[in-house]
């Protein structure tokens, strides 16, 4: 993997205010992936491909990442970035809306990383649970959403996103077959291990 190119991708994303995984969040995810050595990862929300590229380092040999993105511009940028870094053989991009694509997938994944439309997290969770392998891990980034999710935030602008993120947290913390930790890294990361 070309680390220099990866650094450039990160820099460019930050300059253009494209949301990418934060360093402290990435550190936590790196540790989890090192432990699991996944064969298959599903990522919901590719953006410019930065996180998928980072995760590809931890795949077992011949492992694959499926990642979903609906923004045309980001998809073409992600394809270029993935090629530049030299991991095209490990990452497959599904172009389109995750809400439409997820129900058509029938793979089994070791890890699912959710980092897309906050208002859709409960739906993404339902689909992730359908495809996750036993002992798999579901990671949801930005789960605390600027601190709004755990506060009494009720402003109209973000109300749906906050409500749906709360619903996600409730589900992953109350289901008996899921063990969840909510970590205060980045904008919050929910780490859910499936028993």
N, C-alpha and C. Protein backbone atom coordinates (compact mmCIF):
# COMPACT_ATOMS: atom_id res chain seq x y z
N UNK A 1 0.85 -1.21 0.00
CA UNK A 1 0.00 0.00 0.00
C UNK A 1 0.87 1.24 0.00
N UNK A 2 0.51 2.18 -0.85
CA UNK A 2 1.26 3.42 -0.95
C UNK A 2 0.78 4.42 0.12
N UNK A 3 1.52 4.47 1.23
CA UNK A 3 1.14 5.32 2.37
C UNK A 3 1.20 6.81 2.04
N UNK A 4 2.12 7.16 1.16
CA UNK A 4 2.27 8.56 0.76
C UNK A 4 1.00 9.04 0.05
N UNK A 5 0.50 8.21 -0.87
CA UNK A 5 -0.74 8.54 -1.58
C UNK A 5 -1.90 8.64 -0.60
N UNK A 6 -1.93 7.72 0.37
CA UNK A 6 -3.01 7.70 1.37
C UNK A 6 -3.03 9.03 2.14
N UNK A 7 -1.85 9.52 2.50
CA UNK A 7 -1.71 10.79 3.20
C UNK A 7 -2.27 11.93 2.36
N UNK A 8 -1.99 11.90 1.06
CA UNK A 8 -2.47 12.94 0.14
C UNK A 8 -4.00 12.91 0.05
N UNK A 9 -4.56 11.71 0.02
CA UNK A 9 -6.02 11.55 -0.06
C UNK A 9 -6.67 12.16 1.17
N UNK A 10 -6.07 11.86 2.32
CA UNK A 10 -6.59 12.39 3.60
C UNK A 10 -6.53 13.91 3.60
N UNK A 11 -5.39 14.48 3.21
CA UNK A 11 -5.19 15.92 3.19
C UNK A 11 -6.21 16.61 2.30
N UNK A 12 -6.40 16.06 1.11
CA UNK A 12 -7.33 16.64 0.14
C UNK A 12 -8.77 16.61 0.67
N UNK A 13 -9.14 15.48 1.30
CA UNK A 13 -10.49 15.35 1.86
C UNK A 13 -10.71 16.40 2.95
N UNK A 14 -9.72 16.56 3.81
CA UNK A 14 -9.84 17.54 4.90
C UNK A 14 -9.95 18.95 4.34
N UNK A 15 -9.15 19.26 3.33
CA UNK A 15 -9.21 20.59 2.72
C UNK A 15 -10.56 20.86 2.08
N UNK A 16 -11.15 19.83 1.47
CA UNK A 16 -12.44 20.01 0.79
C UNK A 16 -13.63 19.76 1.74
N UNK A 17 -13.34 19.57 3.02
CA UNK A 17 -14.38 19.30 4.04
C UNK A 17 -15.24 18.09 3.71
N UNK A 18 -14.60 17.07 3.15
CA UNK A 18 -15.31 15.81 2.90
C UNK A 18 -15.16 14.99 4.16
N UNK A 19 -16.28 14.54 4.74
CA UNK A 19 -16.16 13.81 6.00
C UNK A 19 -15.46 12.47 5.81
N UNK A 20 -14.33 12.30 6.53
CA UNK A 20 -13.64 11.02 6.53
C UNK A 20 -13.46 10.57 7.98
N UNK A 21 -13.13 9.32 8.15
CA UNK A 21 -12.97 8.78 9.51
C UNK A 21 -11.87 9.56 10.24
N UNK A 22 -12.14 9.92 11.51
CA UNK A 22 -11.17 10.70 12.28
C UNK A 22 -10.06 9.78 12.78
N UNK A 23 -8.89 10.38 13.00
CA UNK A 23 -7.72 9.60 13.40
C UNK A 23 -7.94 8.74 14.64
N UNK A 24 -8.56 9.34 15.68
CA UNK A 24 -8.73 8.55 16.92
C UNK A 24 -9.73 7.41 16.72
N UNK A 25 -10.72 7.63 15.87
CA UNK A 25 -11.68 6.56 15.55
C UNK A 25 -10.96 5.47 14.76
N UNK A 26 -10.15 5.89 13.81
CA UNK A 26 -9.41 4.94 12.98
C UNK A 26 -8.49 4.06 13.83
N UNK A 27 -7.88 4.66 14.86
CA UNK A 27 -7.01 3.90 15.76
C UNK A 27 -7.77 2.75 16.42
N UNK A 28 -8.97 3.06 16.89
CA UNK A 28 -9.80 2.03 17.55
C UNK A 28 -10.18 0.95 16.54
N UNK A 29 -10.63 1.36 15.36
CA UNK A 29 -11.04 0.40 14.33
C UNK A 29 -9.84 -0.47 13.91
N UNK A 30 -8.67 0.15 13.79
CA UNK A 30 -7.46 -0.60 13.44
C UNK A 30 -7.22 -1.75 14.42
N UNK A 31 -7.37 -1.45 15.71
CA UNK A 31 -7.16 -2.47 16.75
C UNK A 31 -8.16 -3.62 16.59
N UNK A 32 -9.41 -3.26 16.34
CA UNK A 32 -10.47 -4.28 16.19
C UNK A 32 -10.17 -5.15 14.97
N UNK A 33 -9.79 -4.51 13.86
CA UNK A 33 -9.53 -5.26 12.63
C UNK A 33 -8.27 -6.12 12.75
N UNK A 34 -7.29 -5.65 13.50
CA UNK A 34 -6.07 -6.44 13.73
C UNK A 34 -6.43 -7.73 14.44
N UNK A 35 -7.34 -7.60 15.41
CA UNK A 35 -7.79 -8.75 16.20
C UNK A 35 -8.59 -9.74 15.35
N UNK A 36 -9.49 -9.21 14.53
CA UNK A 36 -10.41 -10.07 13.76
C UNK A 36 -9.75 -10.65 12.50
N UNK A 37 -8.91 -9.85 11.83
CA UNK A 37 -8.37 -10.23 10.52
C UNK A 37 -9.51 -10.65 9.59
N UNK A 38 -10.42 -9.71 9.25
CA UNK A 38 -11.62 -10.08 8.50
C UNK A 38 -11.33 -10.57 7.08
N UNK A 39 -12.21 -11.44 6.62
CA UNK A 39 -12.13 -11.88 5.23
C UNK A 39 -13.01 -10.95 4.38
N UNK A 40 -14.15 -10.54 4.96
CA UNK A 40 -15.05 -9.64 4.22
C UNK A 40 -15.53 -8.51 5.12
N UNK A 41 -15.47 -7.30 4.55
CA UNK A 41 -15.97 -6.11 5.25
C UNK A 41 -17.01 -5.46 4.35
N UNK A 42 -18.10 -5.00 4.97
CA UNK A 42 -19.08 -4.19 4.26
C UNK A 42 -19.01 -2.78 4.83
N UNK A 43 -18.87 -1.80 3.95
CA UNK A 43 -18.85 -0.41 4.39
C UNK A 43 -20.02 0.31 3.75
N UNK A 44 -20.79 1.01 4.58
CA UNK A 44 -21.92 1.79 4.07
C UNK A 44 -21.50 3.25 4.13
N UNK A 45 -21.20 3.82 2.97
CA UNK A 45 -20.71 5.20 2.90
C UNK A 45 -19.23 5.23 2.54
N UNK A 46 -18.93 5.25 1.25
CA UNK A 46 -17.54 5.19 0.78
C UNK A 46 -16.85 6.54 0.87
N UNK A 47 -17.59 7.61 0.57
CA UNK A 47 -17.03 8.96 0.38
C UNK A 47 -15.91 8.85 -0.66
N UNK A 48 -14.68 9.26 -0.31
CA UNK A 48 -13.59 9.22 -1.30
C UNK A 48 -12.74 7.95 -1.17
N UNK A 49 -13.22 6.98 -0.39
CA UNK A 49 -12.55 5.70 -0.30
C UNK A 49 -11.49 5.61 0.80
N UNK A 50 -11.33 6.69 1.57
CA UNK A 50 -10.25 6.74 2.56
C UNK A 50 -10.33 5.61 3.59
N UNK A 51 -11.48 5.45 4.23
CA UNK A 51 -11.57 4.43 5.28
C UNK A 51 -11.43 3.02 4.70
N UNK A 52 -12.06 2.77 3.54
CA UNK A 52 -11.94 1.44 2.92
C UNK A 52 -10.48 1.12 2.62
N UNK A 53 -9.74 2.12 2.14
CA UNK A 53 -8.31 1.91 1.85
C UNK A 53 -7.59 1.56 3.15
N UNK A 54 -7.85 2.33 4.21
CA UNK A 54 -7.21 2.06 5.51
C UNK A 54 -7.54 0.65 6.00
N UNK A 55 -8.81 0.26 5.88
CA UNK A 55 -9.24 -1.06 6.39
C UNK A 55 -8.64 -2.20 5.58
N UNK A 56 -8.36 -1.95 4.30
CA UNK A 56 -7.91 -3.03 3.41
C UNK A 56 -6.60 -3.66 3.88
N UNK A 57 -5.87 -2.91 4.66
CA UNK A 57 -4.59 -3.39 5.20
C UNK A 57 -4.78 -4.58 6.14
N UNK A 58 -5.94 -4.69 6.74
CA UNK A 58 -6.17 -5.69 7.79
C UNK A 58 -6.90 -6.94 7.29
N UNK A 59 -7.23 -6.95 6.01
CA UNK A 59 -7.93 -8.11 5.46
C UNK A 59 -7.01 -9.32 5.46
N UNK A 60 -7.61 -10.50 5.61
CA UNK A 60 -6.78 -11.69 5.45
C UNK A 60 -6.50 -11.84 3.95
N UNK A 61 -5.50 -12.64 3.57
CA UNK A 61 -5.19 -12.76 2.14
C UNK A 61 -6.45 -13.09 1.34
N UNK A 62 -6.59 -12.47 0.19
CA UNK A 62 -7.77 -12.61 -0.68
C UNK A 62 -9.06 -12.06 -0.07
N UNK A 63 -8.93 -11.29 0.98
CA UNK A 63 -10.11 -10.67 1.59
C UNK A 63 -10.65 -9.55 0.70
N UNK A 64 -11.91 -9.17 0.95
CA UNK A 64 -12.58 -8.15 0.11
C UNK A 64 -13.36 -7.16 0.96
N UNK A 65 -13.43 -5.94 0.45
CA UNK A 65 -14.30 -4.93 1.06
C UNK A 65 -15.34 -4.54 0.01
N UNK A 66 -16.62 -4.62 0.39
CA UNK A 66 -17.70 -4.09 -0.44
C UNK A 66 -18.09 -2.76 0.18
N UNK A 67 -18.12 -1.71 -0.60
CA UNK A 67 -18.46 -0.40 -0.06
C UNK A 67 -19.52 0.26 -0.95
N UNK A 68 -20.43 0.99 -0.33
CA UNK A 68 -21.57 1.56 -1.05
C UNK A 68 -21.54 3.08 -0.99
N UNK A 69 -21.72 3.71 -2.14
CA UNK A 69 -21.74 5.18 -2.20
C UNK A 69 -22.71 5.62 -3.28
N UNK A 70 -23.48 6.68 -3.00
CA UNK A 70 -24.46 7.14 -4.01
C UNK A 70 -24.02 8.41 -4.74
N UNK A 71 -23.06 9.14 -4.19
CA UNK A 71 -22.64 10.40 -4.80
C UNK A 71 -21.67 10.12 -5.96
N UNK A 72 -22.11 10.42 -7.18
CA UNK A 72 -21.33 10.13 -8.40
C UNK A 72 -19.90 10.67 -8.34
N UNK A 73 -19.78 11.91 -7.92
CA UNK A 73 -18.47 12.56 -7.88
C UNK A 73 -17.53 11.84 -6.92
N UNK A 74 -18.08 11.48 -5.75
CA UNK A 74 -17.27 10.78 -4.75
C UNK A 74 -16.87 9.40 -5.23
N UNK A 75 -17.79 8.74 -5.96
CA UNK A 75 -17.50 7.40 -6.47
C UNK A 75 -16.30 7.46 -7.41
N UNK A 76 -16.32 8.41 -8.35
CA UNK A 76 -15.20 8.46 -9.30
C UNK A 76 -13.90 8.84 -8.58
N UNK A 77 -13.99 9.72 -7.59
CA UNK A 77 -12.79 10.07 -6.82
C UNK A 77 -12.28 8.86 -6.03
N UNK A 78 -13.21 8.12 -5.44
CA UNK A 78 -12.84 6.92 -4.66
C UNK A 78 -12.13 5.91 -5.56
N UNK A 79 -12.67 5.70 -6.77
CA UNK A 79 -12.06 4.74 -7.71
C UNK A 79 -10.61 5.13 -8.04
N UNK A 80 -10.41 6.43 -8.28
CA UNK A 80 -9.07 6.94 -8.59
C UNK A 80 -8.15 6.72 -7.38
N UNK A 81 -8.64 7.07 -6.19
CA UNK A 81 -7.84 6.94 -4.97
C UNK A 81 -7.44 5.49 -4.69
N UNK A 82 -8.40 4.59 -4.84
CA UNK A 82 -8.16 3.18 -4.57
C UNK A 82 -7.10 2.64 -5.53
N UNK A 83 -7.17 3.10 -6.76
CA UNK A 83 -6.19 2.67 -7.77
C UNK A 83 -4.80 3.23 -7.44
N UNK A 84 -4.76 4.52 -7.11
CA UNK A 84 -3.48 5.18 -6.78
C UNK A 84 -2.75 4.47 -5.66
N UNK A 85 -3.49 4.06 -4.64
CA UNK A 85 -2.88 3.42 -3.47
C UNK A 85 -2.52 1.96 -3.78
N UNK A 86 -3.14 1.41 -4.82
CA UNK A 86 -2.80 0.06 -5.24
C UNK A 86 -3.59 -1.05 -4.56
N UNK A 87 -4.87 -0.77 -4.23
CA UNK A 87 -5.68 -1.80 -3.56
C UNK A 87 -6.98 -2.11 -4.32
N UNK A 88 -6.97 -1.84 -5.63
CA UNK A 88 -8.17 -2.09 -6.46
C UNK A 88 -8.66 -3.53 -6.38
N UNK A 89 -7.75 -4.46 -6.19
CA UNK A 89 -8.13 -5.87 -6.12
C UNK A 89 -8.87 -6.23 -4.84
N UNK A 90 -8.81 -5.32 -3.84
CA UNK A 90 -9.42 -5.63 -2.53
C UNK A 90 -10.74 -4.91 -2.29
N UNK A 91 -11.01 -3.87 -3.08
CA UNK A 91 -12.18 -3.03 -2.79
C UNK A 91 -13.14 -2.98 -3.97
N UNK A 92 -14.41 -3.26 -3.69
CA UNK A 92 -15.45 -3.25 -4.70
C UNK A 92 -16.47 -2.17 -4.33
N UNK A 93 -16.71 -1.22 -5.23
CA UNK A 93 -17.67 -0.15 -4.94
C UNK A 93 -19.01 -0.45 -5.60
N UNK A 94 -20.06 -0.41 -4.78
CA UNK A 94 -21.43 -0.46 -5.31
C UNK A 94 -21.90 0.98 -5.44
N UNK A 95 -22.23 1.39 -6.66
CA UNK A 95 -22.69 2.76 -6.89
C UNK A 95 -24.21 2.80 -6.77
N UNK A 96 -24.70 3.63 -5.86
CA UNK A 96 -26.14 3.77 -5.69
C UNK A 96 -26.50 4.00 -4.24
N UNK A 97 -27.79 4.06 -3.97
CA UNK A 97 -28.29 4.33 -2.63
C UNK A 97 -28.28 3.05 -1.81
N UNK A 98 -27.65 3.13 -0.64
CA UNK A 98 -27.53 1.95 0.24
C UNK A 98 -28.90 1.36 0.59
N UNK A 99 -29.92 2.22 0.68
CA UNK A 99 -31.27 1.74 1.01
C UNK A 99 -31.78 0.77 -0.06
N UNK A 100 -31.39 1.03 -1.30
CA UNK A 100 -31.81 0.13 -2.38
C UNK A 100 -30.84 -1.04 -2.58
N UNK A 101 -29.55 -0.80 -2.37
CA UNK A 101 -28.55 -1.84 -2.63
C UNK A 101 -28.49 -2.90 -1.53
N UNK A 102 -28.54 -2.48 -0.28
CA UNK A 102 -28.39 -3.45 0.83
C UNK A 102 -29.32 -4.66 0.73
N UNK A 103 -30.63 -4.46 0.49
CA UNK A 103 -31.51 -5.63 0.43
C UNK A 103 -31.16 -6.62 -0.69
N UNK A 104 -30.37 -6.18 -1.68
CA UNK A 104 -30.02 -7.08 -2.78
C UNK A 104 -28.75 -7.89 -2.48
N UNK A 105 -28.05 -7.54 -1.42
CA UNK A 105 -26.81 -8.24 -1.09
C UNK A 105 -27.10 -9.47 -0.24
N UNK A 106 -26.39 -10.56 -0.54
CA UNK A 106 -26.57 -11.77 0.26
C UNK A 106 -25.25 -12.36 0.74
N UNK A 107 -24.25 -11.50 0.84
CA UNK A 107 -22.94 -11.93 1.34
C UNK A 107 -23.01 -12.11 2.85
N UNK A 108 -21.97 -12.72 3.40
CA UNK A 108 -21.82 -12.78 4.86
C UNK A 108 -20.54 -12.01 5.19
N UNK A 109 -20.64 -11.11 6.16
CA UNK A 109 -19.50 -10.24 6.48
C UNK A 109 -19.01 -10.45 7.91
N UNK A 110 -17.69 -10.26 8.09
CA UNK A 110 -17.10 -10.33 9.43
C UNK A 110 -17.25 -9.00 10.14
N UNK A 111 -17.22 -7.93 9.34
CA UNK A 111 -17.30 -6.57 9.89
C UNK A 111 -18.20 -5.73 8.99
N UNK A 112 -19.06 -4.93 9.62
CA UNK A 112 -19.85 -3.94 8.87
C UNK A 112 -19.52 -2.58 9.48
N UNK A 113 -19.16 -1.62 8.63
CA UNK A 113 -18.84 -0.28 9.08
C UNK A 113 -19.88 0.67 8.51
N UNK A 114 -20.64 1.32 9.41
CA UNK A 114 -21.73 2.22 8.99
C UNK A 114 -21.27 3.66 9.17
N UNK A 115 -21.26 4.40 8.07
CA UNK A 115 -20.84 5.80 8.12
C UNK A 115 -21.51 6.54 6.96
N UNK A 116 -22.82 6.61 7.02
CA UNK A 116 -23.58 7.24 5.93
C UNK A 116 -24.71 8.07 6.55
N UNK A 117 -25.82 8.23 5.84
CA UNK A 117 -26.92 9.08 6.31
C UNK A 117 -27.36 8.69 7.72
N UNK A 118 -27.23 9.62 8.65
CA UNK A 118 -27.53 9.34 10.06
C UNK A 118 -28.98 8.91 10.27
N UNK A 119 -29.89 9.51 9.48
CA UNK A 119 -31.30 9.19 9.63
C UNK A 119 -31.66 7.76 9.22
N UNK A 120 -30.72 7.10 8.54
CA UNK A 120 -30.99 5.74 8.04
C UNK A 120 -30.31 4.65 8.89
N UNK A 121 -29.67 5.04 9.98
CA UNK A 121 -28.92 4.05 10.78
C UNK A 121 -29.75 2.84 11.23
N UNK A 122 -31.01 3.02 11.68
CA UNK A 122 -31.78 1.83 12.07
C UNK A 122 -31.98 0.84 10.91
N UNK A 123 -32.20 1.37 9.71
CA UNK A 123 -32.35 0.51 8.54
C UNK A 123 -31.03 -0.20 8.22
N UNK A 124 -29.94 0.57 8.27
CA UNK A 124 -28.62 -0.02 8.01
C UNK A 124 -28.33 -1.14 9.01
N UNK A 125 -28.74 -0.92 10.25
CA UNK A 125 -28.51 -1.93 11.30
C UNK A 125 -29.26 -3.22 10.98
N UNK A 126 -30.52 -3.06 10.60
CA UNK A 126 -31.34 -4.24 10.28
C UNK A 126 -30.67 -5.07 9.18
N UNK A 127 -30.20 -4.39 8.15
CA UNK A 127 -29.54 -5.08 7.04
C UNK A 127 -28.20 -5.69 7.47
N UNK A 128 -27.46 -4.94 8.30
CA UNK A 128 -26.16 -5.43 8.78
C UNK A 128 -26.35 -6.70 9.61
N UNK A 129 -27.37 -6.71 10.45
CA UNK A 129 -27.64 -7.89 11.30
C UNK A 129 -28.00 -9.11 10.46
N UNK A 130 -28.63 -8.86 9.33
CA UNK A 130 -29.01 -9.95 8.44
C UNK A 130 -27.77 -10.60 7.81
N UNK A 131 -26.73 -9.81 7.58
CA UNK A 131 -25.57 -10.30 6.83
C UNK A 131 -24.32 -10.57 7.67
N UNK A 132 -24.35 -10.16 8.94
CA UNK A 132 -23.15 -10.32 9.76
C UNK A 132 -22.96 -11.79 10.16
N UNK A 133 -21.72 -12.23 10.18
CA UNK A 133 -21.43 -13.60 10.60
C UNK A 133 -21.50 -13.68 12.13
N UNK A 134 -21.72 -14.87 12.69
CA UNK A 134 -21.65 -15.01 14.15
C UNK A 134 -20.28 -14.51 14.62
N UNK A 135 -20.26 -13.84 15.75
CA UNK A 135 -19.04 -13.23 16.30
C UNK A 135 -18.51 -12.06 15.47
N UNK A 136 -19.32 -11.59 14.52
CA UNK A 136 -18.91 -10.44 13.72
C UNK A 136 -19.07 -9.15 14.52
N UNK A 137 -18.58 -8.07 13.93
CA UNK A 137 -18.64 -6.77 14.61
C UNK A 137 -19.28 -5.74 13.69
N UNK A 138 -20.23 -4.97 14.24
CA UNK A 138 -20.85 -3.87 13.50
C UNK A 138 -20.35 -2.57 14.14
N UNK A 139 -19.78 -1.70 13.33
CA UNK A 139 -19.26 -0.42 13.81
C UNK A 139 -20.12 0.70 13.23
N UNK A 140 -20.57 1.60 14.08
CA UNK A 140 -21.35 2.74 13.60
C UNK A 140 -20.63 4.02 14.00
N UNK A 141 -20.17 4.76 12.99
CA UNK A 141 -19.42 5.99 13.25
C UNK A 141 -20.38 7.16 13.46
N UNK A 142 -19.90 8.19 14.15
CA UNK A 142 -20.66 9.42 14.43
C UNK A 142 -21.93 9.15 15.22
N UNK A 143 -21.92 8.14 16.04
CA UNK A 143 -23.13 7.71 16.74
C UNK A 143 -23.58 8.73 17.80
N UNK A 144 -22.67 9.54 18.31
CA UNK A 144 -23.07 10.55 19.31
C UNK A 144 -23.45 11.88 18.67
N UNK A 145 -23.13 12.03 17.39
CA UNK A 145 -23.54 13.17 16.59
C UNK A 145 -23.46 14.50 17.33
N UNK A 146 -22.23 14.99 17.48
CA UNK A 146 -21.96 16.29 18.13
C UNK A 146 -22.48 16.35 19.57
N UNK A 147 -22.67 15.19 20.17
CA UNK A 147 -23.16 15.16 21.55
C UNK A 147 -24.67 15.24 21.67
N UNK A 148 -25.37 15.40 20.55
CA UNK A 148 -26.83 15.58 20.59
C UNK A 148 -27.55 14.31 21.05
N UNK A 149 -27.01 13.15 20.70
CA UNK A 149 -27.74 11.90 20.90
C UNK A 149 -27.94 11.60 22.39
N UNK A 150 -26.95 11.91 23.21
CA UNK A 150 -27.06 11.62 24.64
C UNK A 150 -27.55 12.82 25.46
N UNK A 151 -27.86 13.93 24.78
CA UNK A 151 -28.36 15.10 25.51
C UNK A 151 -29.86 15.22 25.29
N UNK A 152 -30.46 16.29 25.79
CA UNK A 152 -31.91 16.44 25.56
C UNK A 152 -32.17 17.31 24.32
N UNK A 153 -31.28 17.20 23.36
CA UNK A 153 -31.37 17.97 22.12
C UNK A 153 -32.69 17.69 21.41
N UNK A 154 -33.37 18.76 21.02
CA UNK A 154 -34.65 18.56 20.35
C UNK A 154 -34.94 19.61 19.28
N UNK A 155 -33.89 20.25 18.77
CA UNK A 155 -34.11 21.27 17.74
C UNK A 155 -34.64 20.61 16.48
N UNK A 156 -35.42 21.34 15.74
CA UNK A 156 -36.09 20.77 14.57
C UNK A 156 -35.11 20.29 13.49
N UNK A 157 -34.06 21.08 13.25
CA UNK A 157 -33.17 20.83 12.12
C UNK A 157 -32.61 19.39 12.07
N UNK A 158 -32.12 18.90 13.18
CA UNK A 158 -31.49 17.58 13.17
C UNK A 158 -32.34 16.52 13.87
N UNK A 159 -33.60 16.86 14.14
CA UNK A 159 -34.41 15.98 14.99
C UNK A 159 -34.49 14.54 14.49
N UNK A 160 -34.73 14.34 13.19
CA UNK A 160 -34.88 12.98 12.66
C UNK A 160 -33.60 12.19 12.82
N UNK A 161 -32.46 12.81 12.45
CA UNK A 161 -31.17 12.13 12.56
C UNK A 161 -30.92 11.72 14.01
N UNK A 162 -31.14 12.67 14.93
CA UNK A 162 -30.89 12.39 16.35
C UNK A 162 -31.82 11.29 16.85
N UNK A 163 -33.09 11.36 16.49
CA UNK A 163 -34.06 10.34 16.93
C UNK A 163 -33.65 8.94 16.41
N UNK A 164 -33.25 8.89 15.14
CA UNK A 164 -32.87 7.60 14.57
C UNK A 164 -31.57 7.05 15.13
N UNK A 165 -30.63 7.94 15.45
CA UNK A 165 -29.39 7.50 16.08
C UNK A 165 -29.69 6.96 17.49
N UNK A 166 -30.61 7.63 18.19
CA UNK A 166 -31.01 7.14 19.53
C UNK A 166 -31.65 5.77 19.42
N UNK A 167 -32.47 5.59 18.39
CA UNK A 167 -33.12 4.30 18.17
C UNK A 167 -32.06 3.22 17.91
N UNK A 168 -31.05 3.57 17.14
CA UNK A 168 -29.94 2.64 16.84
C UNK A 168 -29.26 2.22 18.15
N UNK A 169 -28.91 3.22 18.97
CA UNK A 169 -28.22 2.96 20.24
C UNK A 169 -29.07 2.07 21.13
N UNK A 170 -30.38 2.38 21.20
CA UNK A 170 -31.30 1.59 22.03
C UNK A 170 -31.29 0.13 21.57
N UNK A 171 -31.40 -0.07 20.28
CA UNK A 171 -31.45 -1.42 19.73
C UNK A 171 -30.17 -2.22 20.01
N UNK A 172 -29.01 -1.60 19.75
CA UNK A 172 -27.76 -2.36 19.94
C UNK A 172 -27.38 -2.55 21.41
N UNK A 173 -27.96 -1.74 22.29
CA UNK A 173 -27.63 -1.91 23.71
C UNK A 173 -28.65 -2.80 24.43
N UNK A 174 -29.83 -2.98 23.83
CA UNK A 174 -30.85 -3.76 24.53
C UNK A 174 -31.04 -5.18 24.01
N UNK A 175 -30.57 -5.45 22.78
CA UNK A 175 -30.74 -6.82 22.24
C UNK A 175 -29.82 -7.78 22.98
N UNK A 176 -30.35 -8.92 23.42
CA UNK A 176 -29.53 -9.84 24.21
C UNK A 176 -28.37 -10.47 23.44
N UNK A 177 -28.47 -10.56 22.13
CA UNK A 177 -27.40 -11.21 21.37
C UNK A 177 -26.34 -10.22 20.87
N UNK A 178 -26.44 -8.96 21.32
CA UNK A 178 -25.47 -7.95 20.90
C UNK A 178 -24.81 -7.33 22.13
N UNK A 179 -23.50 -7.26 22.08
CA UNK A 179 -22.77 -6.62 23.18
C UNK A 179 -22.17 -5.35 22.62
N UNK A 180 -22.59 -4.19 23.14
CA UNK A 180 -22.19 -2.92 22.55
C UNK A 180 -21.45 -2.02 23.52
N UNK A 181 -20.44 -1.38 23.00
CA UNK A 181 -19.72 -0.34 23.72
C UNK A 181 -19.86 0.93 22.90
N UNK A 182 -20.18 2.03 23.56
CA UNK A 182 -20.22 3.32 22.87
C UNK A 182 -18.96 4.07 23.28
N UNK A 183 -18.09 4.31 22.32
CA UNK A 183 -16.81 4.95 22.64
C UNK A 183 -16.84 6.42 22.25
N UNK A 184 -16.25 7.24 23.11
CA UNK A 184 -16.22 8.68 22.82
C UNK A 184 -14.97 9.04 22.04
N UNK A 185 -14.83 8.45 20.88
CA UNK A 185 -13.73 8.83 19.98
C UNK A 185 -14.36 9.49 18.77
N UNK A 186 -13.64 10.43 18.17
CA UNK A 186 -14.22 11.15 17.03
C UNK A 186 -15.55 11.74 17.43
N UNK A 187 -16.58 11.40 16.67
CA UNK A 187 -17.93 11.89 16.98
C UNK A 187 -18.77 10.74 17.54
N UNK A 188 -18.08 9.81 18.19
CA UNK A 188 -18.77 8.67 18.80
C UNK A 188 -18.73 7.45 17.90
N UNK A 189 -18.37 6.30 18.47
CA UNK A 189 -18.31 5.05 17.71
C UNK A 189 -19.01 3.96 18.50
N UNK A 190 -20.00 3.33 17.89
CA UNK A 190 -20.66 2.20 18.56
C UNK A 190 -20.01 0.93 18.03
N UNK A 191 -19.48 0.13 18.95
CA UNK A 191 -18.85 -1.14 18.60
C UNK A 191 -19.75 -2.25 19.11
N UNK A 192 -20.38 -2.97 18.18
CA UNK A 192 -21.34 -4.02 18.57
C UNK A 192 -20.83 -5.38 18.15
N UNK A 193 -20.59 -6.25 19.16
CA UNK A 193 -20.16 -7.62 18.85
C UNK A 193 -21.40 -8.50 18.87
N UNK A 194 -21.51 -9.32 17.84
CA UNK A 194 -22.68 -10.19 17.72
C UNK A 194 -22.34 -11.54 18.32
N UNK A 195 -23.17 -11.96 19.28
CA UNK A 195 -22.89 -13.24 19.96
C UNK A 195 -23.44 -14.39 19.16
